[in-house]
Amino acid sequence: MRIWNAEDGWGVIDSSDTPGGCWVHYSSLLVPGPGYRELVAGQAVELDYEAARQDGYDFRAVELWLAGEEPDRSGTIEITGPSEAYQSGLFIRPDPDR
C-alpha cells in the first residue's frame, strides 16, 4: 500500500502488475472487522483489479484483502436482478397546440 487517505476512504497500491499505481476505494476492502475499514501505508495486500481510469490511475482495485489471509466477505451483500430501490418513468404527451 503506497498511500491510504483514511479521511476520504481511498488509497493507491504499487504492484508490478499495475504500473503507475492502482486506485483503491474502502468499499473494495475485504478485511475483517465491523464498520469503516481502512489500511495503513506500507501494509502488504493482495488484490483483484481492473484496467479503468480512476483519478489519474490506469487501474482500479475490485477486491483487496490482507496478504496471506483469506478475503473476509462476511460484510458484503450480493445483489442479483433489478433493484426496487429506484424506479423511473417517461411519459410523452402530445402538445395539443401543435
PDB file of N, CA and C in Angstrom:
ATOM      1  N   MET A   1       0.852  -1.158   0.000  1.00  0.00           N
ATOM      2  CA  MET A   1       0.000   0.000   0.000  1.00  0.00           C
ATOM      3  C   MET A   1       0.905   1.230   0.000  1.00  0.00           C
ATOM      4  N   ARG A   2       0.809   2.027  -1.066  1.00  0.00           N
ATOM      5  CA  ARG A   2       1.641   3.231  -1.168  1.00  0.00           C
ATOM      6  C   ARG A   2       1.114   4.319  -0.239  1.00  0.00           C
ATOM      7  N   ILE A   3      -0.150   4.656  -0.377  1.00  0.00           N
ATOM      8  CA  ILE A   3      -0.758   5.669   0.483  1.00  0.00           C
ATOM      9  C   ILE A   3      -2.174   5.242   0.835  1.00  0.00           C
ATOM     10  N   TRP A   4      -2.661   5.694   1.978  1.00  0.00           N
ATOM     11  CA  TRP A   4      -4.051   5.469   2.362  1.00  0.00           C
ATOM     12  C   TRP A   4      -4.573   6.751   2.994  1.00  0.00           C
ATOM     13  N   ASN A   5      -5.622   7.311   2.426  1.00  0.00           N
ATOM     14  CA  ASN A   5      -6.238   8.525   2.922  1.00  0.00           C
ATOM     15  C   ASN A   5      -7.494   8.115   3.685  1.00  0.00           C
ATOM     16  N   ALA A   6      -7.356   7.910   4.997  1.00  0.00           N
ATOM     17  CA  ALA A   6      -8.464   7.409   5.819  1.00  0.00           C
ATOM     18  C   ALA A   6      -9.652   8.369   5.824  1.00  0.00           C
ATOM     19  N   GLU A   7      -9.388   9.663   5.801  1.00  0.00           N
ATOM     20  CA  GLU A   7     -10.473  10.643   5.844  1.00  0.00           C
ATOM     21  C   GLU A   7     -11.366  10.552   4.607  1.00  0.00           C
ATOM     22  N   ASP A   8     -10.758  10.328   3.439  1.00  0.00           N
ATOM     23  CA  ASP A   8     -11.527  10.245   2.197  1.00  0.00           C
ATOM     24  C   ASP A   8     -11.851   8.810   1.783  1.00  0.00           C
ATOM     25  N   GLY A   9     -11.203   7.814   2.408  1.00  0.00           N
ATOM     26  CA  GLY A   9     -11.517   6.413   2.138  1.00  0.00           C
ATOM     27  C   GLY A   9     -10.961   5.859   0.844  1.00  0.00           C
ATOM     28  N   TRP A  10      -9.775   6.299   0.462  1.00  0.00           N
ATOM     29  CA  TRP A  10      -9.144   5.759  -0.740  1.00  0.00           C
ATOM     30  C   TRP A  10      -7.631   5.742  -0.585  1.00  0.00           C
ATOM     31  N   GLY A  11      -6.991   4.980  -1.472  1.00  0.00           N
ATOM     32  CA  GLY A  11      -5.540   4.894  -1.442  1.00  0.00           C
ATOM     33  C   GLY A  11      -5.000   4.429  -2.774  1.00  0.00           C
ATOM     34  N   VAL A  12      -3.681   4.186  -2.803  1.00  0.00           N
ATOM     35  CA  VAL A  12      -3.009   3.737  -4.018  1.00  0.00           C
ATOM     36  C   VAL A  12      -2.069   2.599  -3.658  1.00  0.00           C
ATOM     37  N   ILE A  13      -2.089   1.566  -4.488  1.00  0.00           N
ATOM     38  CA  ILE A  13      -1.237   0.391  -4.305  1.00  0.00           C
ATOM     39  C   ILE A  13      -0.216   0.350  -5.426  1.00  0.00           C
ATOM     40  N   ASP A  14       1.006  -0.027  -5.108  1.00  0.00           N
ATOM     41  CA  ASP A  14       2.025  -0.270  -6.121  1.00  0.00           C
ATOM     42  C   ASP A  14       2.163  -1.765  -6.325  1.00  0.00           C
ATOM     43  N   SER A  15       2.195  -2.174  -7.574  1.00  0.00           N
ATOM     44  CA  SER A  15       2.324  -3.580  -7.920  1.00  0.00           C
ATOM     45  C   SER A  15       2.992  -3.670  -9.288  1.00  0.00           C
ATOM     46  N   SER A  16       3.757  -4.726  -9.510  1.00  0.00           N
ATOM     47  CA  SER A  16       4.376  -4.897 -10.825  1.00  0.00           C
ATOM     48  C   SER A  16       3.318  -5.117 -11.907  1.00  0.00           C
ATOM     49  N   ASP A  17       2.143  -5.590 -11.524  1.00  0.00           N
ATOM     50  CA  ASP A  17       1.053  -5.806 -12.478  1.00  0.00           C
ATOM     51  C   ASP A  17       0.276  -4.530 -12.788  1.00  0.00           C
ATOM     52  N   THR A  18       0.443  -3.485 -11.969  1.00  0.00           N
ATOM     53  CA  THR A  18      -0.305  -2.235 -12.151  1.00  0.00           C
ATOM     54  C   THR A  18       0.665  -1.050 -12.174  1.00  0.00           C
ATOM     55  N   PRO A  19       1.437  -0.917 -13.257  1.00  0.00           N
ATOM     56  CA  PRO A  19       2.424   0.158 -13.318  1.00  0.00           C
ATOM     57  C   PRO A  19       1.761   1.530 -13.174  1.00  0.00           C
ATOM     58  N   GLY A  20       2.369   2.370 -12.354  1.00  0.00           N
ATOM     59  CA  GLY A  20       1.827   3.697 -12.110  1.00  0.00           C
ATOM     60  C   GLY A  20       0.887   3.750 -10.921  1.00  0.00           C
ATOM     61  N   GLY A  21       0.514   2.599 -10.389  1.00  0.00           N
ATOM     62  CA  GLY A  21      -0.344   2.558  -9.212  1.00  0.00           C
ATOM     63  C   GLY A  21      -1.747   2.092  -9.521  1.00  0.00           C
ATOM     64  N   CYS A  22      -2.393   1.567  -8.510  1.00  0.00           N
ATOM     65  CA  CYS A  22      -3.761   1.055  -8.599  1.00  0.00           C
ATOM     66  C   CYS A  22      -4.598   1.773  -7.545  1.00  0.00           C
ATOM     67  N   TRP A  23      -5.656   2.457  -7.975  1.00  0.00           N
ATOM     68  CA  TRP A  23      -6.535   3.216  -7.085  1.00  0.00           C
ATOM     69  C   TRP A  23      -7.422   2.237  -6.307  1.00  0.00           C
ATOM     70  N   VAL A  24      -7.618   2.504  -5.009  1.00  0.00           N
ATOM     71  CA  VAL A  24      -8.414   1.635  -4.138  1.00  0.00           C
ATOM     72  C   VAL A  24      -9.429   2.468  -3.370  1.00  0.00           C
ATOM     73  N   HIS A  25     -10.670   2.028  -3.329  1.00  0.00           N
ATOM     74  CA  HIS A  25     -11.715   2.654  -2.508  1.00  0.00           C
ATOM     75  C   HIS A  25     -12.001   1.736  -1.325  1.00  0.00           C
ATOM     76  N   TYR A  26     -12.369   2.310  -0.189  1.00  0.00           N
ATOM     77  CA  TYR A  26     -12.584   1.491   1.008  1.00  0.00           C
ATOM     78  C   TYR A  26     -13.670   0.440   0.801  1.00  0.00           C
ATOM     79  N   SER A  27     -14.605   0.671  -0.110  1.00  0.00           N
ATOM     80  CA  SER A  27     -15.681  -0.297  -0.336  1.00  0.00           C
ATOM     81  C   SER A  27     -15.174  -1.593  -0.965  1.00  0.00           C
ATOM     82  N   SER A  28     -13.956  -1.590  -1.514  1.00  0.00           N
ATOM     83  CA  SER A  28     -13.393  -2.808  -2.098  1.00  0.00           C
ATOM     84  C   SER A  28     -12.573  -3.616  -1.090  1.00  0.00           C
ATOM     85  N   LEU A  29     -12.434  -3.115   0.149  1.00  0.00           N
ATOM     86  CA  LEU A  29     -11.630  -3.802   1.164  1.00  0.00           C
ATOM     87  C   LEU A  29     -12.392  -4.979   1.751  1.00  0.00           C
ATOM     88  N   LEU A  30     -11.787  -6.144   1.670  1.00  0.00           N
ATOM     89  CA  LEU A  30     -12.360  -7.358   2.258  1.00  0.00           C
ATOM     90  C   LEU A  30     -11.516  -7.758   3.455  1.00  0.00           C
ATOM     91  N   VAL A  31     -11.505  -6.885   4.461  1.00  0.00           N
ATOM     92  CA  VAL A  31     -10.728  -7.115   5.675  1.00  0.00           C
ATOM     93  C   VAL A  31     -11.686  -7.293   6.845  1.00  0.00           C
ATOM     94  N   PRO A  32     -11.304  -8.095   7.847  1.00  0.00           N
ATOM     95  CA  PRO A  32     -12.209  -8.353   8.969  1.00  0.00           C
ATOM     96  C   PRO A  32     -12.462  -7.113   9.823  1.00  0.00           C
ATOM     97  N   GLY A  33     -13.599  -7.117  10.455  1.00  0.00           N
ATOM     98  CA  GLY A  33     -13.937  -6.032  11.374  1.00  0.00           C
ATOM     99  C   GLY A  33     -15.191  -5.300  10.945  1.00  0.00           C
ATOM    100  N   PRO A  34     -15.953  -4.864  11.910  1.00  0.00           N
ATOM    101  CA  PRO A  34     -17.185  -4.152  11.598  1.00  0.00           C
ATOM    102  C   PRO A  34     -16.918  -2.688  11.242  1.00  0.00           C
ATOM    103  N   GLY A  35     -17.885  -2.064  10.586  1.00  0.00           N
ATOM    104  CA  GLY A  35     -17.815  -0.629  10.333  1.00  0.00           C
ATOM    105  C   GLY A  35     -16.814  -0.241   9.273  1.00  0.00           C
ATOM    106  N   TYR A  36     -16.312   0.965   9.407  1.00  0.00           N
ATOM    107  CA  TYR A  36     -15.394   1.548   8.436  1.00  0.00           C
ATOM    108  C   TYR A  36     -14.094   0.771   8.398  1.00  0.00           C
ATOM    109  N   ARG A  37     -13.681   0.357   7.222  1.00  0.00           N
ATOM    110  CA  ARG A  37     -12.440  -0.399   7.060  1.00  0.00           C
ATOM    111  C   ARG A  37     -11.373   0.503   6.463  1.00  0.00           C
ATOM    112  N   GLU A  38     -10.157   0.314   6.910  1.00  0.00           N
ATOM    113  CA  GLU A  38      -9.065   1.111   6.365  1.00  0.00           C
ATOM    114  C   GLU A  38      -7.767   0.322   6.394  1.00  0.00           C
ATOM    115  N   LEU A  39      -6.765   0.850   5.715  1.00  0.00           N
ATOM    116  CA  LEU A  39      -5.449   0.231   5.637  1.00  0.00           C
ATOM    117  C   LEU A  39      -4.403   1.216   6.123  1.00  0.00           C
ATOM    118  N   VAL A  40      -3.161   0.756   6.142  1.00  0.00           N
ATOM    119  CA  VAL A  40      -2.036   1.580   6.568  1.00  0.00           C
ATOM    120  C   VAL A  40      -0.998   1.556   5.455  1.00  0.00           C
ATOM    121  N   ALA A  41      -0.421   2.700   5.151  1.00  0.00           N
ATOM    122  CA  ALA A  41       0.632   2.759   4.138  1.00  0.00           C
ATOM    123  C   ALA A  41       1.734   1.777   4.499  1.00  0.00           C
ATOM    124  N   GLY A  42       2.210   1.023   3.518  1.00  0.00           N
ATOM    125  CA  GLY A  42       3.249   0.029   3.733  1.00  0.00           C
ATOM    126  C   GLY A  42       2.707  -1.363   4.022  1.00  0.00           C
ATOM    127  N   GLN A  43       1.413  -1.478   4.272  1.00  0.00           N
ATOM    128  CA  GLN A  43       0.789  -2.766   4.581  1.00  0.00           C
ATOM    129  C   GLN A  43       0.771  -3.643   3.327  1.00  0.00           C
ATOM    130  N   ALA A  44       1.104  -4.929   3.482  1.00  0.00           N
ATOM    131  CA  ALA A  44       1.095  -5.870   2.361  1.00  0.00           C
ATOM    132  C   ALA A  44      -0.335  -6.362   2.115  1.00  0.00           C
ATOM    133  N   VAL A  45      -0.748  -6.310   0.854  1.00  0.00           N
ATOM    134  CA  VAL A  45      -2.104  -6.702   0.491  1.00  0.00           C
ATOM    135  C   VAL A  45      -2.089  -7.538  -0.783  1.00  0.00           C
ATOM    136  N   GLU A  46      -3.197  -8.203  -1.040  1.00  0.00           N
ATOM    137  CA  GLU A  46      -3.443  -8.899  -2.300  1.00  0.00           C
ATOM    138  C   GLU A  46      -4.692  -8.283  -2.897  1.00  0.00           C
ATOM    139  N   LEU A  47      -4.810  -8.355  -4.229  1.00  0.00           N
ATOM    140  CA  LEU A  47      -5.949  -7.694  -4.840  1.00  0.00           C
ATOM    141  C   LEU A  47      -6.339  -8.286  -6.179  1.00  0.00           C
ATOM    142  N   ASP A  48      -7.577  -8.064  -6.528  1.00  0.00           N
ATOM    143  CA  ASP A  48      -8.077  -8.253  -7.882  1.00  0.00           C
ATOM    144  C   ASP A  48      -8.338  -6.848  -8.391  1.00  0.00           C
ATOM    145  N   TYR A  49      -7.977  -6.594  -9.633  1.00  0.00           N
ATOM    146  CA  TYR A  49      -8.094  -5.242 -10.169  1.00  0.00           C
ATOM    147  C   TYR A  49      -8.618  -5.288 -11.597  1.00  0.00           C
ATOM    148  N   GLU A  50      -8.973  -4.112 -12.098  1.00  0.00           N
ATOM    149  CA  GLU A  50      -9.406  -3.980 -13.484  1.00  0.00           C
ATOM    150  C   GLU A  50      -8.707  -2.775 -14.099  1.00  0.00           C
ATOM    151  N   ALA A  51      -8.547  -2.823 -15.411  1.00  0.00           N
ATOM    152  CA  ALA A  51      -7.996  -1.675 -16.116  1.00  0.00           C
ATOM    153  C   ALA A  51      -9.123  -0.662 -16.261  1.00  0.00           C
ATOM    154  N   ALA A  52      -8.994   0.461 -15.575  1.00  0.00           N
ATOM    155  CA  ALA A  52     -10.022   1.506 -15.606  1.00  0.00           C
ATOM    156  C   ALA A  52      -9.404   2.805 -15.125  1.00  0.00           C
ATOM    157  N   ARG A  53      -9.615   3.891 -15.846  1.00  0.00           N
ATOM    158  CA  ARG A  53      -9.096   5.192 -15.425  1.00  0.00           C
ATOM    159  C   ARG A  53      -9.859   5.666 -14.194  1.00  0.00           C
ATOM    160  N   GLN A  54      -9.148   5.946 -13.122  1.00  0.00           N
ATOM    161  CA  GLN A  54      -9.762   6.416 -11.889  1.00  0.00           C
ATOM    162  C   GLN A  54      -8.832   7.423 -11.236  1.00  0.00           C
ATOM    163  N   ASP A  55      -9.232   8.668 -11.190  1.00  0.00           N
ATOM    164  CA  ASP A  55      -8.464   9.730 -10.525  1.00  0.00           C
ATOM    165  C   ASP A  55      -6.994   9.772 -10.955  1.00  0.00           C
ATOM    166  N   GLY A  56      -6.742   9.582 -12.244  1.00  0.00           N
ATOM    167  CA  GLY A  56      -5.387   9.674 -12.774  1.00  0.00           C
ATOM    168  C   GLY A  56      -4.614   8.366 -12.770  1.00  0.00           C
ATOM    169  N   TYR A  57      -5.211   7.287 -12.335  1.00  0.00           N
ATOM    170  CA  TYR A  57      -4.558   5.973 -12.323  1.00  0.00           C
ATOM    171  C   TYR A  57      -5.206   5.092 -13.390  1.00  0.00           C
ATOM    172  N   ASP A  58      -4.406   4.180 -13.983  1.00  0.00           N
ATOM    173  CA  ASP A  58      -4.911   3.322 -15.047  1.00  0.00           C
ATOM    174  C   ASP A  58      -5.563   2.047 -14.541  1.00  0.00           C
ATOM    175  N   PHE A  59      -5.481   1.805 -13.235  1.00  0.00           N
ATOM    176  CA  PHE A  59      -6.046   0.589 -12.660  1.00  0.00           C
ATOM    177  C   PHE A  59      -6.875   0.922 -11.424  1.00  0.00           C
ATOM    178  N   ARG A  60      -7.887   0.087 -11.175  1.00  0.00           N
ATOM    179  CA  ARG A  60      -8.763   0.265 -10.009  1.00  0.00           C
ATOM    180  C   ARG A  60      -8.945  -1.104  -9.348  1.00  0.00           C
ATOM    181  N   ALA A  61      -8.787  -1.151  -8.025  1.00  0.00           N
ATOM    182  CA  ALA A  61      -8.978  -2.396  -7.286  1.00  0.00           C
ATOM    183  C   ALA A  61     -10.457  -2.753  -7.243  1.00  0.00           C
ATOM    184  N   VAL A  62     -10.758  -4.020  -7.498  1.00  0.00           N
ATOM    185  CA  VAL A  62     -12.122  -4.525  -7.405  1.00  0.00           C
ATOM    186  C   VAL A  62     -12.329  -5.144  -6.030  1.00  0.00           C
ATOM    187  N   GLU A  63     -11.353  -5.931  -5.599  1.00  0.00           N
ATOM    188  CA  GLU A  63     -11.349  -6.521  -4.254  1.00  0.00           C
ATOM    189  C   GLU A  63      -9.918  -6.477  -3.729  1.00  0.00           C
ATOM    190  N   LEU A  64      -9.787  -6.248  -2.438  1.00  0.00           N
ATOM    191  CA  LEU A  64      -8.474  -6.139  -1.820  1.00  0.00           C
ATOM    192  C   LEU A  64      -8.544  -6.724  -0.415  1.00  0.00           C
ATOM    193  N   TRP A  65      -7.543  -7.502  -0.028  1.00  0.00           N
ATOM    194  CA  TRP A  65      -7.512  -8.112   1.299  1.00  0.00           C
ATOM    195  C   TRP A  65      -6.071  -8.175   1.786  1.00  0.00           C
ATOM    196  N   LEU A  66      -5.890  -8.461   3.070  1.00  0.00           N
ATOM    197  CA  LEU A  66      -4.561  -8.512   3.673  1.00  0.00           C
ATOM    198  C   LEU A  66      -3.778  -9.699   3.133  1.00  0.00           C
ATOM    199  N   ALA A  67      -2.495  -9.489   2.840  1.00  0.00           N
ATOM    200  CA  ALA A  67      -1.635 -10.533   2.290  1.00  0.00           C
ATOM    201  C   ALA A  67      -1.572 -11.723   3.249  1.00  0.00           C
ATOM    202  N   GLY A  68      -1.677 -12.928   2.698  1.00  0.00           N
ATOM    203  CA  GLY A  68      -1.587 -14.143   3.492  1.00  0.00           C
ATOM    204  C   GLY A  68      -2.870 -14.524   4.205  1.00  0.00           C
ATOM    205  N   GLU A  69      -3.927 -13.727   4.065  1.00  0.00           N
ATOM    206  CA  GLU A  69      -5.209 -14.026   4.709  1.00  0.00           C
ATOM    207  C   GLU A  69      -6.276 -14.258   3.652  1.00  0.00           C
ATOM    208  N   GLU A  70      -7.356 -14.867   4.062  1.00  0.00           N
ATOM    209  CA  GLU A  70      -8.493 -15.062   3.167  1.00  0.00           C
ATOM    210  C   GLU A  70      -9.327 -13.782   3.122  1.00  0.00           C
ATOM    211  N   PRO A  71      -9.871 -13.434   1.969  1.00  0.00           N
ATOM    212  CA  PRO A  71     -10.763 -12.265   1.910  1.00  0.00           C
ATOM    213  C   PRO A  71     -11.970 -12.475   2.827  1.00  0.00           C
ATOM    214  N   ASP A  72     -12.332 -11.450   3.587  1.00  0.00           N
ATOM    215  CA  ASP A  72     -13.478 -11.525   4.503  1.00  0.00           C
ATOM    216  C   ASP A  72     -14.705 -10.933   3.804  1.00  0.00           C
ATOM    217  N   ARG A  73     -15.559 -11.792   3.321  1.00  0.00           N
ATOM    218  CA  ARG A  73     -16.755 -11.350   2.603  1.00  0.00           C
ATOM    219  C   ARG A  73     -17.990 -11.342   3.499  1.00  0.00           C
ATOM    220  N   SER A  74     -17.815 -11.446   4.811  1.00  0.00           N
ATOM    221  CA  SER A  74     -18.960 -11.522   5.721  1.00  0.00           C
ATOM    222  C   SER A  74     -19.787 -10.242   5.730  1.00  0.00           C
ATOM    223  N   GLY A  75     -19.204  -9.116   5.384  1.00  0.00           N
ATOM    224  CA  GLY A  75     -19.944  -7.861   5.393  1.00  0.00           C
ATOM    225  C   GLY A  75     -20.431  -7.429   4.025  1.00  0.00           C
ATOM    226  N   THR A  76     -20.245  -8.278   3.001  1.00  0.00           N
ATOM    227  CA  THR A  76     -20.653  -7.896   1.658  1.00  0.00           C
ATOM    228  C   THR A  76     -22.065  -8.366   1.373  1.00  0.00           C
ATOM    229  N   ILE A  77     -22.712  -7.665   0.493  1.00  0.00           N
ATOM    230  CA  ILE A  77     -24.075  -8.001   0.085  1.00  0.00           C
ATOM    231  C   ILE A  77     -24.055  -8.273  -1.406  1.00  0.00           C
ATOM    232  N   GLU A  78     -24.555  -9.434  -1.806  1.00  0.00           N
ATOM    233  CA  GLU A  78     -24.623  -9.757  -3.224  1.00  0.00           C
ATOM    234  C   GLU A  78     -25.970  -9.307  -3.764  1.00  0.00           C
ATOM    235  N   ILE A  79     -25.935  -8.533  -4.824  1.00  0.00           N
ATOM    236  CA  ILE A  79     -27.163  -8.037  -5.434  1.00  0.00           C
ATOM    237  C   ILE A  79     -27.358  -8.742  -6.761  1.00  0.00           C
ATOM    238  N   THR A  80     -28.508  -9.353  -6.917  1.00  0.00           N
ATOM    239  CA  THR A  80     -28.827 -10.017  -8.170  1.00  0.00           C
ATOM    240  C   THR A  80     -30.174  -9.509  -8.660  1.00  0.00           C
ATOM    241  N   GLY A  81     -30.291  -9.332  -9.939  1.00  0.00           N
ATOM    242  CA  GLY A  81     -31.545  -8.867 -10.518  1.00  0.00           C
ATOM    243  C   GLY A  81     -31.751  -7.379 -10.319  1.00  0.00           C
ATOM    244  N   PRO A  82     -32.872  -6.884 -10.828  1.00  0.00           N
ATOM    245  CA  PRO A  82     -33.145  -5.446 -10.710  1.00  0.00           C
ATOM    246  C   PRO A  82     -33.454  -5.039  -9.281  1.00  0.00           C
ATOM    247  N   SER A  83     -33.126  -3.809  -8.962  1.00  0.00           N
ATOM    248  CA  SER A  83     -33.373  -3.261  -7.636  1.00  0.00           C
ATOM    249  C   SER A  83     -34.695  -2.513  -7.614  1.00  0.00           C
ATOM    250  N   GLU A  84     -35.428  -2.624  -6.527  1.00  0.00           N
ATOM    251  CA  GLU A  84     -36.658  -1.864  -6.371  1.00  0.00           C
ATOM    252  C   GLU A  84     -36.393  -0.555  -5.634  1.00  0.00           C
ATOM    253  N   ALA A  85     -35.125  -0.270  -5.364  1.00  0.00           N
ATOM    254  CA  ALA A  85     -34.780   0.940  -4.624  1.00  0.00           C
ATOM    255  C   ALA A  85     -34.976   2.196  -5.456  1.00  0.00           C
ATOM    256  N   TYR A  86     -34.928   2.065  -6.765  1.00  0.00           N
ATOM    257  CA  TYR A  86     -35.065   3.228  -7.620  1.00  0.00           C
ATOM    258  C   TYR A  86     -35.872   2.851  -8.844  1.00  0.00           C
ATOM    259  N   GLN A  87     -36.797   3.678  -9.176  1.00  0.00           N
ATOM    260  CA  GLN A  87     -37.589   3.474 -10.386  1.00  0.00           C
ATOM    261  C   GLN A  87     -37.736   4.811 -11.086  1.00  0.00           C
ATOM    262  N   SER A  88     -37.856   4.768 -12.386  1.00  0.00           N
ATOM    263  CA  SER A  88     -38.105   5.989 -13.142  1.00  0.00           C
ATOM    264  C   SER A  88     -39.079   5.669 -14.251  1.00  0.00           C
ATOM    265  N   GLY A  89     -39.643   6.701 -14.821  1.00  0.00           N
ATOM    266  CA  GLY A  89     -40.581   6.517 -15.919  1.00  0.00           C
ATOM    267  C   GLY A  89     -40.505   7.696 -16.858  1.00  0.00           C
ATOM    268  N   LEU A  90     -41.035   7.510 -18.043  1.00  0.00           N
ATOM    269  CA  LEU A  90     -41.059   8.557 -19.044  1.00  0.00           C
ATOM    270  C   LEU A  90     -42.464   8.619 -19.608  1.00  0.00           C
ATOM    271  N   PHE A  91     -43.053   9.785 -19.570  1.00  0.00           N
ATOM    272  CA  PHE A  91     -44.389   9.996 -20.107  1.00  0.00           C
ATOM    273  C   PHE A  91     -44.292  11.006 -21.243  1.00  0.00           C
ATOM    274  N   ILE A  92     -44.789  10.651 -22.391  1.00  0.00           N
ATOM    275  CA  ILE A  92     -44.787  11.558 -23.532  1.00  0.00           C
ATOM    276  C   ILE A  92     -46.239  11.886 -23.856  1.00  0.00           C
ATOM    277  N   ARG A  93     -46.531  13.164 -23.845  1.00  0.00           N
ATOM    278  CA  ARG A  93     -47.882  13.626 -24.150  1.00  0.00           C
ATOM    279  C   ARG A  93     -47.811  14.568 -25.339  1.00  0.00           C
ATOM    280  N   PRO A  94     -48.698  14.412 -26.296  1.00  0.00           N
ATOM    281  CA  PRO A  94     -48.674  15.321 -27.437  1.00  0.00           C
ATOM    282  C   PRO A  94     -49.093  16.725 -27.007  1.00  0.00           C
ATOM    283  N   ASP A  95     -48.499  17.714 -27.632  1.00  0.00           N
ATOM    284  CA  ASP A  95     -48.847  19.112 -27.374  1.00  0.00           C
ATOM    285  C   ASP A  95     -50.071  19.434 -28.220  1.00  0.00           C
ATOM    286  N   PRO A  96     -51.222  19.727 -27.587  1.00  0.00           N
ATOM    287  CA  PRO A  96     -52.439  19.963 -28.355  1.00  0.00           C
ATOM    288  C   PRO A  96     -52.366  21.209 -29.227  1.00  0.00           C
ATOM    289  N   ASP A  97     -51.447  22.106 -28.958  1.00  0.00           N
ATOM    290  CA  ASP A  97     -51.319  23.333 -29.748  1.00  0.00           C
ATOM    291  C   ASP A  97     -50.465  23.152 -30.982  1.00  0.00           C
ATOM    292  N   ARG A  98     -49.949  22.011 -31.245  1.00  0.00           N
ATOM    293  CA  ARG A  98     -49.087  21.787 -32.432  1.00  0.00           C
ATOM    294  C   ARG A  98     -49.784  21.012 -33.469  1.00  0.00           C
TER     295      ARG A  98
END
